[in-house]
Amino acid sequence: MTIETLAVNHAPIDPAVAYRFSDKGRALLISGSPIKSANIKKFANNIDFLVHEALAPNLVTMMNEVAHKTDNAVGAYNT
């Protein structure tokens, strides 16, 4: 099995990566990034299955606000 990582835009999280798994002529790409990019398109060429997450920006903003209010450094980010 071959496992590759590729850079993705997952703002405000940086750096962020997606994973491409290949084995015996089959391939799977998993990206947590909600943003379409040329790099994902390149690595998704000729794959069998794509998992491409999407998330509402307003929910991310609300989660960030709560993380800051509760001093949750893991969930908080600066805008």
Protein backbone atom coordinates (compact mmCIF):
# COMPACT_ATOMS: atom_id res chain seq x y z
CA MET A 1 0.00 0.00 0.00
CA THR A 2 1.17 3.51 -0.81
CA ILE A 3 0.07 6.43 1.36
CA GLU A 4 0.62 9.96 0.07
CA THR A 5 -0.05 13.29 1.75
CA LEU A 6 -0.94 16.42 -0.13
CA ALA A 7 -1.30 20.02 0.96
CA VAL A 8 -4.85 21.38 1.08
CA ASN A 9 -6.44 24.71 1.90
CA HIS A 10 -8.29 24.25 5.17
CA ALA A 11 -8.25 27.86 6.39
CA PRO A 12 -7.93 28.86 9.13
CA ILE A 13 -6.08 25.59 9.88
CA ASP A 14 -2.59 25.69 8.40
CA PRO A 15 -0.86 23.50 7.51
CA ALA A 16 -3.45 20.93 6.51
CA VAL A 17 -3.16 17.73 4.47
CA ALA A 18 -5.28 15.15 2.68
CA TYR A 19 -4.36 11.48 2.27
CA ARG A 20 -4.32 9.31 -0.84
CA PHE A 21 -4.20 5.54 -0.33
CA SER A 22 -3.28 3.30 -3.29
CA ASP A 23 -3.04 -0.48 -3.46
CA LYS A 24 -3.37 -3.07 -6.21
CA GLY A 25 -4.67 -0.59 -8.78
CA ARG A 26 -7.29 0.95 -6.49
CA ALA A 27 -7.13 4.41 -4.87
CA LEU A 28 -8.92 6.40 -2.18
CA LEU A 29 -8.52 10.11 -1.36
CA ILE A 30 -9.63 11.53 2.00
CA SER A 31 -9.65 15.29 2.56
CA GLY A 32 -11.07 17.17 5.53
CA SER A 33 -10.85 20.40 3.57
CA PRO A 34 -14.15 21.93 2.48
CA ILE A 35 -12.39 23.91 -0.27
CA LYS A 36 -11.98 22.69 -3.85
CA SER A 37 -8.38 23.02 -5.03
CA ALA A 38 -6.15 22.19 -7.97
CA ASN A 39 -4.07 19.90 -5.73
CA ILE A 40 -7.09 17.81 -4.73
CA LYS A 41 -8.17 17.65 -8.38
CA LYS A 42 -4.67 16.48 -9.38
CA PHE A 43 -4.48 13.73 -6.74
CA ALA A 44 -8.12 12.70 -7.30
CA ASN A 45 -7.45 11.85 -10.95
CA ASN A 46 -8.35 8.19 -11.59
CA ILE A 47 -9.28 7.36 -7.99
CA ASP A 48 -12.06 4.96 -7.02
CA PHE A 49 -13.44 6.84 -4.02
CA LEU A 50 -13.25 10.43 -2.74
CA VAL A 51 -14.21 11.63 0.73
CA HIS A 52 -14.27 15.42 0.61
CA GLU A 53 -15.64 17.05 3.76
CA ALA A 54 -17.66 20.22 3.77
CA LEU A 55 -18.41 22.41 6.77
CA ALA A 56 -20.48 25.56 7.18
CA PRO A 57 -18.24 28.57 7.94
CA ASN A 58 -20.81 29.98 10.36
CA LEU A 59 -20.57 26.80 12.46
CA VAL A 60 -16.77 27.02 12.52
CA THR A 61 -17.05 30.64 13.68
CA MET A 62 -19.45 29.66 16.47
CA MET A 63 -17.16 26.82 17.60
CA ASN A 64 -14.20 29.22 17.64
CA GLU A 65 -16.12 31.76 19.74
CA VAL A 66 -17.08 29.11 22.29
CA ALA A 67 -13.49 27.80 22.39
CA HIS A 68 -12.20 31.29 23.17
CA LYS A 69 -14.85 31.88 25.86
CA THR A 70 -13.99 28.59 27.57
CA ASP A 71 -10.20 28.98 27.21
CA ASN A 72 -10.05 25.90 24.99
CA ALA A 73 -6.68 26.44 23.29
CA VAL A 74 -7.06 23.29 21.17
CA GLY A 75 -10.31 24.44 19.55
CA ALA A 76 -9.51 28.14 19.33
CA TYR A 77 -7.77 29.95 16.54
CA ASN A 78 -7.05 33.61 15.89
CA THR A 79 -8.71 35.29 12.94
